[in-house]
Amino acid sequence: MTPQSAKKDVAADVWRLMLETAMSHFGRSSGVLQEYGLTPGHMKLMLQLDDVESRPMGTLAQAFHCDASTMTWLVDRLEERGFAERRSLPSDRRVKAVVLTPSGVEMKARLLEKMYQPPAELVELDRDSLERLREALTKVRGTQPAMPPIGTPAPATA
């Protein structure tokens, strides 16, 4: 085994552990979703929306790598529960765009609060380990935008 393949094996193991850890703790947010009959796809959509700038549904479907009918279904469920509303774009009334309602903003804040609560096992690590882990994960995240801090609206993207 070469040093490079050994490093890739360790990286693969770290990545698997990161995903397994994230997915196992995802249940805290999904409990809130289940109360309202929503799915992780709805949560992903809510995290992309805010109450100020509307996002065209076609642009959202492209960003999610899904077809328009899937995005319509996701938006329909959010709209039925009072968390989002469709609006026409002032520049093109044929284009439907989506924004969060005040209830949607509150739900998004609840979801973010649950998502960002660190698991007890992480809190139990010593500060030095946490600092090194944060530094490493910041490098892994690279240029991808960070999630907004709790209570901060996500930046709108077109």
C-alpha atoms as a PDB file:
ATOM      1  CA  MET A   1       0.000   0.000   0.000  1.00  0.00           C
ATOM      2  CA  THR A   2       1.439   3.361  -1.027  1.00  0.00           C
ATOM      3  CA  PRO A   3       1.377   6.357   1.304  1.00  0.00           C
ATOM      4  CA  GLN A   4      -1.031   8.069  -1.118  1.00  0.00           C
ATOM      5  CA  SER A   5      -3.503   5.168  -1.125  1.00  0.00           C
ATOM      6  CA  ALA A   6      -3.282   4.977   2.673  1.00  0.00           C
ATOM      7  CA  LYS A   7      -4.115   8.707   2.848  1.00  0.00           C
ATOM      8  CA  LYS A   8      -7.084   8.203   0.501  1.00  0.00           C
ATOM      9  CA  ASP A   9      -8.301   5.329   2.683  1.00  0.00           C
ATOM     10  CA  VAL A  10      -8.139   7.557   5.771  1.00  0.00           C
ATOM     11  CA  ALA A  11      -9.901  10.384   3.904  1.00  0.00           C
ATOM     12  CA  ALA A  12     -12.629   7.957   2.802  1.00  0.00           C
ATOM     13  CA  ASP A  13     -13.062   6.760   6.380  1.00  0.00           C
ATOM     14  CA  VAL A  14     -13.245  10.354   7.702  1.00  0.00           C
ATOM     15  CA  TRP A  15     -15.794  11.269   5.041  1.00  0.00           C
ATOM     16  CA  ARG A  16     -17.929   8.223   5.864  1.00  0.00           C
ATOM     17  CA  LEU A  17     -17.814   9.106   9.573  1.00  0.00           C
ATOM     18  CA  MET A  18     -18.774  12.726   8.840  1.00  0.00           C
ATOM     19  CA  LEU A  19     -21.756  11.661   6.747  1.00  0.00           C
ATOM     20  CA  GLU A  20     -22.902   9.002   9.192  1.00  0.00           C
ATOM     21  CA  THR A  21     -22.627  11.452  12.081  1.00  0.00           C
ATOM     22  CA  ALA A  22     -24.523  14.189  10.242  1.00  0.00           C
ATOM     23  CA  MET A  23     -27.248  11.828   9.107  1.00  0.00           C
ATOM     24  CA  SER A  24     -27.699  10.256  12.532  1.00  0.00           C
ATOM     25  CA  HIS A  25     -28.148  13.681  14.123  1.00  0.00           C
ATOM     26  CA  PHE A  26     -30.365  14.956  11.333  1.00  0.00           C
ATOM     27  CA  GLY A  27     -33.342  13.452  13.155  1.00  0.00           C
ATOM     28  CA  ARG A  28     -33.540  16.426  15.480  1.00  0.00           C
ATOM     29  CA  SER A  29     -34.580  18.687  12.624  1.00  0.00           C
ATOM     30  CA  SER A  30     -36.650  16.041  10.901  1.00  0.00           C
ATOM     31  CA  GLY A  31     -38.828  15.743  14.008  1.00  0.00           C
ATOM     32  CA  VAL A  32     -39.926  19.338  13.443  1.00  0.00           C
ATOM     33  CA  LEU A  33     -40.492  18.551   9.763  1.00  0.00           C
ATOM     34  CA  GLN A  34     -42.647  15.531  10.572  1.00  0.00           C
ATOM     35  CA  GLU A  35     -44.913  17.653  12.784  1.00  0.00           C
ATOM     36  CA  TYR A  36     -45.864  19.568   9.644  1.00  0.00           C
ATOM     37  CA  GLY A  37     -45.796  16.711   7.142  1.00  0.00           C
ATOM     38  CA  LEU A  38     -42.669  18.025   5.461  1.00  0.00           C
ATOM     39  CA  THR A  39     -39.654  16.220   4.042  1.00  0.00           C
ATOM     40  CA  PRO A  40     -35.907  16.951   4.038  1.00  0.00           C
ATOM     41  CA  GLY A  41     -36.467  18.349   0.531  1.00  0.00           C
ATOM     42  CA  HIS A  42     -38.797  20.953   2.009  1.00  0.00           C
ATOM     43  CA  MET A  43     -36.157  21.863   4.575  1.00  0.00           C
ATOM     44  CA  LYS A  44     -33.545  22.228   1.831  1.00  0.00           C
ATOM     45  CA  LEU A  45     -35.940  24.501  -0.059  1.00  0.00           C
ATOM     46  CA  MET A  46     -36.738  26.600   3.008  1.00  0.00           C
ATOM     47  CA  LEU A  47     -33.028  27.124   3.616  1.00  0.00           C
ATOM     48  CA  GLN A  48     -32.750  28.603   0.107  1.00  0.00           C
ATOM     49  CA  LEU A  49     -35.626  31.038   0.601  1.00  0.00           C
ATOM     50  CA  ASP A  50     -36.161  34.203   2.585  1.00  0.00           C
ATOM     51  CA  ASP A  51     -38.992  36.675   3.035  1.00  0.00           C
ATOM     52  CA  VAL A  52     -37.478  39.516   1.022  1.00  0.00           C
ATOM     53  CA  GLU A  53     -36.201  38.381  -2.358  1.00  0.00           C
ATOM     54  CA  SER A  54     -38.315  35.950  -4.348  1.00  0.00           C
ATOM     55  CA  ARG A  55     -36.598  33.047  -6.114  1.00  0.00           C
ATOM     56  CA  PRO A  56     -37.906  31.913  -9.523  1.00  0.00           C
ATOM     57  CA  MET A  57     -39.162  28.324  -9.405  1.00  0.00           C
ATOM     58  CA  GLY A  58     -37.214  27.391 -12.531  1.00  0.00           C
ATOM     59  CA  THR A  59     -33.992  28.633 -10.962  1.00  0.00           C
ATOM     60  CA  LEU A  60     -34.748  26.650  -7.815  1.00  0.00           C
ATOM     61  CA  ALA A  61     -35.419  23.487  -9.840  1.00  0.00           C
ATOM     62  CA  GLN A  62     -32.069  23.921 -11.617  1.00  0.00           C
ATOM     63  CA  ALA A  63     -30.247  24.471  -8.313  1.00  0.00           C
ATOM     64  CA  PHE A  64     -31.864  21.319  -6.874  1.00  0.00           C
ATOM     65  CA  HIS A  65     -31.171  19.315 -10.050  1.00  0.00           C
ATOM     66  CA  CYS A  66     -34.832  18.346 -10.263  1.00  0.00           C
ATOM     67  CA  ASP A  67     -37.608  18.859 -12.773  1.00  0.00           C
ATOM     68  CA  ALA A  68     -40.188  21.622 -12.556  1.00  0.00           C
ATOM     69  CA  SER A  69     -42.935  19.249 -11.374  1.00  0.00           C
ATOM     70  CA  THR A  70     -40.867  18.210  -8.338  1.00  0.00           C
ATOM     71  CA  MET A  71     -40.254  21.847  -7.428  1.00  0.00           C
ATOM     72  CA  THR A  72     -43.955  22.551  -7.879  1.00  0.00           C
ATOM     73  CA  TRP A  73     -44.787  19.716  -5.460  1.00  0.00           C
ATOM     74  CA  LEU A  74     -42.302  21.034  -2.875  1.00  0.00           C
ATOM     75  CA  VAL A  75     -43.620  24.589  -3.142  1.00  0.00           C
ATOM     76  CA  ASP A  76     -47.248  23.380  -3.053  1.00  0.00           C
ATOM     77  CA  ARG A  77     -46.672  21.672   0.330  1.00  0.00           C
ATOM     78  CA  LEU A  78     -44.955  24.750   1.782  1.00  0.00           C
ATOM     79  CA  GLU A  79     -47.737  26.949   0.465  1.00  0.00           C
ATOM     80  CA  GLU A  80     -50.473  24.662   1.860  1.00  0.00           C
ATOM     81  CA  ARG A  81     -48.902  24.957   5.310  1.00  0.00           C
ATOM     82  CA  GLY A  82     -48.565  28.722   5.080  1.00  0.00           C
ATOM     83  CA  PHE A  83     -44.752  28.722   4.960  1.00  0.00           C
ATOM     84  CA  ALA A  84     -44.270  30.094   1.427  1.00  0.00           C
ATOM     85  CA  GLU A  85     -46.126  31.933  -1.284  1.00  0.00           C
ATOM     86  CA  ARG A  86     -45.780  32.277  -5.021  1.00  0.00           C
ATOM     87  CA  ARG A  87     -45.438  35.695  -6.591  1.00  0.00           C
ATOM     88  CA  SER A  88     -45.070  36.923 -10.118  1.00  0.00           C
ATOM     89  CA  LEU A  89     -41.792  38.577 -10.990  1.00  0.00           C
ATOM     90  CA  PRO A  90     -42.258  42.286 -11.729  1.00  0.00           C
ATOM     91  CA  SER A  91     -39.973  41.913 -14.770  1.00  0.00           C
ATOM     92  CA  ASP A  92     -41.941  38.945 -16.194  1.00  0.00           C
ATOM     93  CA  ARG A  93     -45.376  38.179 -14.763  1.00  0.00           C
ATOM     94  CA  ARG A  94     -45.318  34.713 -16.398  1.00  0.00           C
ATOM     95  CA  VAL A  95     -42.472  33.614 -14.101  1.00  0.00           C
ATOM     96  CA  LYS A  96     -43.546  32.348 -10.701  1.00  0.00           C
ATOM     97  CA  ALA A  97     -41.187  33.005  -7.835  1.00  0.00           C
ATOM     98  CA  VAL A  98     -41.297  31.910  -4.189  1.00  0.00           C
ATOM     99  CA  VAL A  99     -40.753  33.712  -0.878  1.00  0.00           C
ATOM    100  CA  LEU A 100     -41.180  32.680   2.733  1.00  0.00           C
ATOM    101  CA  THR A 101     -44.157  33.975   4.666  1.00  0.00           C
ATOM    102  CA  PRO A 102     -43.710  35.205   8.252  1.00  0.00           C
ATOM    103  CA  SER A 103     -44.667  31.676   9.396  1.00  0.00           C
ATOM    104  CA  GLY A 104     -42.065  30.279   7.009  1.00  0.00           C
ATOM    105  CA  VAL A 105     -39.400  32.552   8.465  1.00  0.00           C
ATOM    106  CA  GLU A 106     -40.290  31.281  11.959  1.00  0.00           C
ATOM    107  CA  MET A 107     -40.200  27.649  10.796  1.00  0.00           C
ATOM    108  CA  LYS A 108     -36.848  28.180   9.094  1.00  0.00           C
ATOM    109  CA  ALA A 109     -35.463  29.642  12.325  1.00  0.00           C
ATOM    110  CA  ARG A 110     -36.733  26.610  14.285  1.00  0.00           C
ATOM    111  CA  LEU A 111     -35.150  24.234  11.771  1.00  0.00           C
ATOM    112  CA  LEU A 112     -31.823  26.073  11.839  1.00  0.00           C
ATOM    113  CA  GLU A 113     -31.826  26.086  15.637  1.00  0.00           C
ATOM    114  CA  LYS A 114     -32.368  22.317  15.724  1.00  0.00           C
ATOM    115  CA  MET A 115     -29.845  21.662  12.944  1.00  0.00           C
ATOM    116  CA  TYR A 116     -27.122  23.716  14.616  1.00  0.00           C
ATOM    117  CA  GLN A 117     -27.418  22.155  18.069  1.00  0.00           C
ATOM    118  CA  PRO A 118     -24.211  20.153  18.344  1.00  0.00           C
ATOM    119  CA  PRO A 119     -24.479  16.564  19.516  1.00  0.00           C
ATOM    120  CA  ALA A 120     -23.397  15.963  23.109  1.00  0.00           C
ATOM    121  CA  GLU A 121     -20.519  13.782  21.902  1.00  0.00           C
ATOM    122  CA  LEU A 122     -19.078  16.760  20.027  1.00  0.00           C
ATOM    123  CA  VAL A 123     -19.494  19.148  22.957  1.00  0.00           C
ATOM    124  CA  GLU A 124     -17.617  16.664  25.147  1.00  0.00           C
ATOM    125  CA  LEU A 125     -14.458  16.935  23.010  1.00  0.00           C
ATOM    126  CA  ASP A 126     -11.686  19.139  24.376  1.00  0.00           C
ATOM    127  CA  ARG A 127     -11.361  22.654  22.960  1.00  0.00           C
ATOM    128  CA  ASP A 128      -8.119  21.908  21.061  1.00  0.00           C
ATOM    129  CA  SER A 129      -9.734  18.979  19.239  1.00  0.00           C
ATOM    130  CA  LEU A 130     -12.740  21.132  18.380  1.00  0.00           C
ATOM    131  CA  GLU A 131     -10.508  23.932  17.045  1.00  0.00           C
ATOM    132  CA  ARG A 132      -8.569  21.493  14.827  1.00  0.00           C
ATOM    133  CA  LEU A 133     -11.775  19.886  13.603  1.00  0.00           C
ATOM    134  CA  ARG A 134     -13.269  23.298  12.768  1.00  0.00           C
ATOM    135  CA  GLU A 135     -10.121  24.283  10.883  1.00  0.00           C
ATOM    136  CA  ALA A 136     -10.082  21.036   8.893  1.00  0.00           C
ATOM    137  CA  LEU A 137     -13.782  21.189   8.040  1.00  0.00           C
ATOM    138  CA  THR A 138     -13.478  24.836   7.007  1.00  0.00           C
ATOM    139  CA  LYS A 139     -10.812  23.769   4.510  1.00  0.00           C
ATOM    140  CA  VAL A 140     -12.992  20.895   3.277  1.00  0.00           C
ATOM    141  CA  ARG A 141     -15.950  23.232   2.789  1.00  0.00           C
ATOM    142  CA  GLY A 142     -13.686  25.434   0.665  1.00  0.00           C
ATOM    143  CA  THR A 143     -15.482  28.005  -1.414  1.00  0.00           C
ATOM    144  CA  GLN A 144     -18.976  26.688  -0.786  1.00  0.00           C
ATOM    145  CA  PRO A 145     -21.029  29.263   1.074  1.00  0.00           C
ATOM    146  CA  ALA A 146     -21.546  28.672   4.763  1.00  0.00           C
ATOM    147  CA  MET A 147     -25.013  28.262   6.199  1.00  0.00           C
ATOM    148  CA  PRO A 148     -26.201  31.453   7.875  1.00  0.00           C
ATOM    149  CA  PRO A 149     -25.891  31.725  11.641  1.00  0.00           C
ATOM    150  CA  ILE A 150     -29.122  31.085  13.538  1.00  0.00           C
ATOM    151  CA  GLY A 151     -31.554  33.963  13.078  1.00  0.00           C
ATOM    152  CA  THR A 152     -29.783  35.293   9.967  1.00  0.00           C
ATOM    153  CA  PRO A 153     -31.598  35.091   6.638  1.00  0.00           C
ATOM    154  CA  ALA A 154     -29.815  33.119   3.932  1.00  0.00           C
ATOM    155  CA  PRO A 155     -28.347  35.260   1.174  1.00  0.00           C
ATOM    156  CA  ALA A 156     -30.565  35.216  -1.881  1.00  0.00           C
ATOM    157  CA  THR A 157     -29.060  33.908  -5.073  1.00  0.00           C
ATOM    158  CA  ALA A 158     -30.520  34.193  -8.541  1.00  0.00           C
END
